[in-house]
Amino acid sequence: MTTSEILTLIAVIVGPIVAVVITLWVDGRRRDREQKIIVLRLLLATRHIPADPSFLTAINLIPVEFNARRDVMQAYNEFIEATRQRADGVNDDVIQLNSSTKLTRLVFEVARSLRFKLRETDIQTSAYASDGWRIRDNLAQDSQQAMRDIANILWLQTRLLAGETWEQIQANKKGAPTAEIDSEAAKTEEK
């Protein structure tokens, strides 16, 4: 066997294997990018509606899809830390602004890691949500709060109609629908 025949034989055997490996590598990179773009799209579409399940899904997928990107993960950790601060009635505006700023930076870092040319200011100011959507979302939240309040009142009423005194209910709050019984009771006593 000559050298050219050996090289031809190696090319016939190795060529298809290398082609398959390259194809699999390219497909893997494309799938990885597509998954990351899905996260970016969800973030961009729902960034001004943080109660949306798609927003929560996108936020929770960031550590999975972007775990190798230090800049994205740092922005993610800063956002999570900012959202852990609870509204206290005094600094609510500052907490909201800090969370919003950290979210904008997170979306910017995700977009930048995917080589999209978006400016941070565009991310923060260019989202659209109709007034009708906002009104509907606020109504939905208000109705859920009303349902919770009704459950609390019914629970109290049931206990009172069963013959328990107010002091007994206060002493034994087991089975209460929420921890808001005290505030509901205070409202009831004031009336």
Protein backbone atom coordinates (compact mmCIF):
# COMPACT_ATOMS: atom_id res chain seq x y z
CA MET A 1 0.00 0.00 0.00
CA THR A 2 1.35 3.40 -0.96
CA THR A 3 1.31 6.53 1.13
CA SER A 4 -1.41 8.12 -0.98
CA GLU A 5 -3.61 5.04 -0.58
CA ILE A 6 -3.10 5.12 3.21
CA LEU A 7 -3.94 8.82 3.29
CA THR A 8 -7.04 8.21 1.17
CA LEU A 9 -8.13 5.41 3.48
CA ILE A 10 -7.63 7.63 6.55
CA ALA A 11 -9.55 10.45 4.87
CA VAL A 12 -12.42 8.11 4.00
CA ILE A 13 -12.63 6.91 7.63
CA VAL A 14 -11.78 10.10 9.54
CA GLY A 15 -13.56 12.60 7.25
CA PRO A 16 -17.13 11.58 8.05
CA ILE A 17 -16.34 11.28 11.75
CA VAL A 18 -14.89 14.79 11.84
CA ALA A 19 -17.89 16.09 9.86
CA VAL A 20 -20.33 14.55 12.34
CA VAL A 21 -18.38 15.94 15.32
CA ILE A 22 -18.34 19.43 13.78
CA THR A 23 -22.06 19.24 12.98
CA LEU A 24 -22.90 18.17 16.53
CA TRP A 25 -20.75 20.96 17.96
CA VAL A 26 -22.40 23.60 15.76
CA ASP A 27 -25.90 22.28 16.58
CA GLY A 28 -25.11 22.32 20.30
CA ARG A 29 -23.93 25.91 20.15
CA ARG A 30 -27.01 26.92 18.17
CA ARG A 31 -29.36 25.22 20.67
CA ASP A 32 -27.51 26.87 23.55
CA ARG A 33 -27.90 30.31 21.95
CA GLU A 34 -31.58 29.69 21.18
CA GLN A 35 -32.25 28.80 24.82
CA LYS A 36 -30.51 31.97 25.95
CA ILE A 37 -32.49 34.06 23.47
CA ILE A 38 -35.72 32.59 24.86
CA VAL A 39 -34.70 33.80 28.33
CA LEU A 40 -33.87 37.25 26.93
CA ARG A 41 -37.20 37.46 25.11
CA LEU A 42 -39.11 36.51 28.24
CA LEU A 43 -37.22 39.12 30.25
CA LEU A 44 -37.81 41.84 27.68
CA ALA A 45 -41.47 40.99 27.23
CA THR A 46 -42.30 40.93 30.94
CA ARG A 47 -39.78 43.25 32.58
CA HIS A 48 -42.48 45.70 33.69
CA ILE A 49 -44.81 42.94 34.90
CA PRO A 50 -42.79 41.22 37.66
CA ALA A 51 -45.75 39.14 38.84
CA ASP A 52 -46.00 37.46 35.44
CA PRO A 53 -45.11 33.74 35.54
CA SER A 54 -43.01 34.13 32.38
CA PHE A 55 -40.89 36.75 34.13
CA LEU A 56 -40.32 34.48 37.09
CA THR A 57 -39.44 31.61 34.74
CA ALA A 58 -36.89 33.75 32.91
CA ILE A 59 -35.29 34.93 36.16
CA ASN A 60 -35.06 31.36 37.46
CA LEU A 61 -33.51 30.11 34.20
CA ILE A 62 -30.64 32.60 34.26
CA PRO A 63 -28.37 30.48 36.51
CA VAL A 64 -28.96 27.50 34.21
CA GLU A 65 -28.46 29.23 30.87
CA PHE A 66 -25.84 31.82 31.81
CA ASN A 67 -23.85 30.11 34.56
CA ALA A 68 -20.60 30.45 32.60
CA ARG A 69 -21.04 34.21 32.16
CA ARG A 70 -19.57 35.97 35.18
CA ASP A 71 -21.00 39.38 34.23
CA VAL A 72 -24.54 38.03 33.87
CA MET A 73 -24.31 36.04 37.09
CA GLN A 74 -23.04 39.08 39.01
CA ALA A 75 -25.97 41.16 37.71
CA TYR A 76 -28.32 38.29 38.57
CA ASN A 77 -27.02 38.07 42.14
CA GLU A 78 -27.33 41.85 42.57
CA PHE A 79 -30.93 41.71 41.31
CA ILE A 80 -31.83 38.83 43.63
CA GLU A 81 -30.28 40.69 46.57
CA ALA A 82 -32.24 43.85 45.69
CA THR A 83 -35.51 41.92 45.51
CA ARG A 84 -34.96 40.37 48.93
CA GLN A 85 -35.51 43.75 50.56
CA ARG A 86 -39.10 43.95 51.72
CA ALA A 87 -41.26 47.03 51.55
CA ASP A 88 -41.42 48.68 54.95
CA GLY A 89 -43.72 51.61 54.21
CA VAL A 90 -40.87 54.08 54.62
CA ASN A 91 -38.32 53.26 51.93
CA ASP A 92 -40.67 51.62 49.42
CA ASP A 93 -39.77 53.99 46.59
CA VAL A 94 -36.03 53.50 47.14
CA ILE A 95 -36.42 49.72 47.26
CA GLN A 96 -38.52 49.74 44.07
CA LEU A 97 -36.05 51.98 42.25
CA ASN A 98 -33.10 49.83 43.32
CA SER A 99 -34.84 46.64 42.14
CA SER A 100 -35.76 48.28 38.84
CA THR A 101 -32.19 49.48 38.30
CA LYS A 102 -30.76 46.04 39.05
CA LEU A 103 -33.29 44.41 36.70
CA THR A 104 -32.32 46.80 33.91
CA ARG A 105 -28.66 45.94 34.40
CA LEU A 106 -29.47 42.23 34.41
CA VAL A 107 -31.41 42.42 31.14
CA PHE A 108 -28.63 44.54 29.65
CA GLU A 109 -25.96 42.00 30.63
CA VAL A 110 -28.02 39.13 29.22
CA ALA A 111 -28.50 41.02 25.94
CA ARG A 112 -24.84 41.99 25.79
CA SER A 113 -23.72 38.40 26.39
CA LEU A 114 -25.75 37.43 23.32
CA ARG A 115 -24.18 40.30 21.33
CA PHE A 116 -27.37 42.31 20.98
CA LYS A 117 -26.79 46.03 20.75
CA LEU A 118 -29.21 47.42 23.32
CA ARG A 119 -28.60 50.40 25.56
CA GLU A 120 -29.47 50.23 29.24
CA THR A 121 -31.63 53.33 28.92
CA ASP A 122 -33.61 51.73 26.10
CA ILE A 123 -34.25 48.65 28.21
CA GLN A 124 -35.53 50.77 31.06
CA THR A 125 -37.71 53.17 29.10
CA SER A 126 -38.87 51.48 25.91
CA ALA A 127 -41.27 48.81 27.16
CA TYR A 128 -44.94 49.05 26.27
CA ALA A 129 -47.81 48.09 28.51
CA SER A 130 -51.25 49.49 27.74
CA ASP A 131 -53.29 51.25 30.40
CA GLY A 132 -55.98 48.61 29.93
CA TRP A 133 -53.48 45.87 30.76
CA ARG A 134 -52.29 47.70 33.87
CA ILE A 135 -55.86 48.34 35.02
CA ARG A 136 -56.75 44.66 34.46
CA ASP A 137 -53.63 43.52 36.35
CA ASN A 138 -54.41 45.86 39.25
CA LEU A 139 -58.01 44.63 39.35
CA ALA A 140 -56.82 41.03 39.43
CA GLN A 141 -54.49 41.81 42.34
CA ASP A 142 -57.22 43.72 44.17
CA SER A 143 -59.67 40.85 43.72
CA GLN A 144 -57.14 38.37 45.10
CA GLN A 145 -56.63 40.61 48.15
CA ALA A 146 -60.41 40.86 48.57
CA MET A 147 -60.72 37.06 48.46
CA ARG A 148 -58.10 36.80 51.22
CA ASP A 149 -59.93 39.42 53.28
CA ILE A 150 -63.26 37.59 52.81
CA ALA A 151 -61.65 34.32 53.92
CA ASN A 152 -60.32 36.02 57.06
CA ILE A 153 -63.67 37.57 57.88
CA LEU A 154 -65.54 34.31 57.29
CA TRP A 155 -63.09 32.48 59.53
CA LEU A 156 -63.61 35.03 62.29
CA GLN A 157 -67.36 35.00 61.84
CA THR A 158 -67.49 31.21 61.98
CA ARG A 159 -65.50 31.17 65.19
CA LEU A 160 -67.65 33.88 66.77
CA LEU A 161 -70.88 32.16 65.72
CA ALA A 162 -69.57 28.90 67.21
CA GLY A 163 -69.62 30.63 70.59
CA GLU A 164 -65.99 31.54 71.01
CA THR A 165 -65.11 34.84 72.60
CA TRP A 166 -62.76 37.32 71.03
CA GLU A 167 -60.15 36.49 73.67
CA GLN A 168 -60.36 32.77 72.87
CA ILE A 169 -59.90 33.44 69.17
CA GLN A 170 -56.91 35.65 69.86
CA ALA A 171 -55.38 33.04 72.17
CA ASN A 172 -55.85 30.18 69.70
CA LYS A 173 -55.30 31.26 66.08
CA LYS A 174 -54.69 27.74 64.77
CA GLY A 175 -56.51 27.18 61.53
CA ALA A 176 -56.52 30.85 60.66
CA PRO A 177 -56.44 31.35 56.90
CA THR A 178 -53.67 33.94 57.10
CA ALA A 179 -51.56 35.84 59.58
CA GLU A 180 -53.60 38.95 58.87
CA ILE A 181 -56.21 38.09 61.50
CA ASP A 182 -54.80 40.71 63.88
CA SER A 183 -55.16 43.50 61.34
CA GLU A 184 -58.68 42.36 60.40
CA ALA A 185 -59.62 42.13 64.06
CA ALA A 186 -58.30 45.62 64.69
CA LYS A 187 -60.40 46.93 61.80
CA THR A 188 -63.46 45.12 63.16
CA GLU A 189 -62.95 46.49 66.68
CA GLU A 190 -62.55 50.07 65.37
CA LYS A 191 -65.94 49.83 63.60
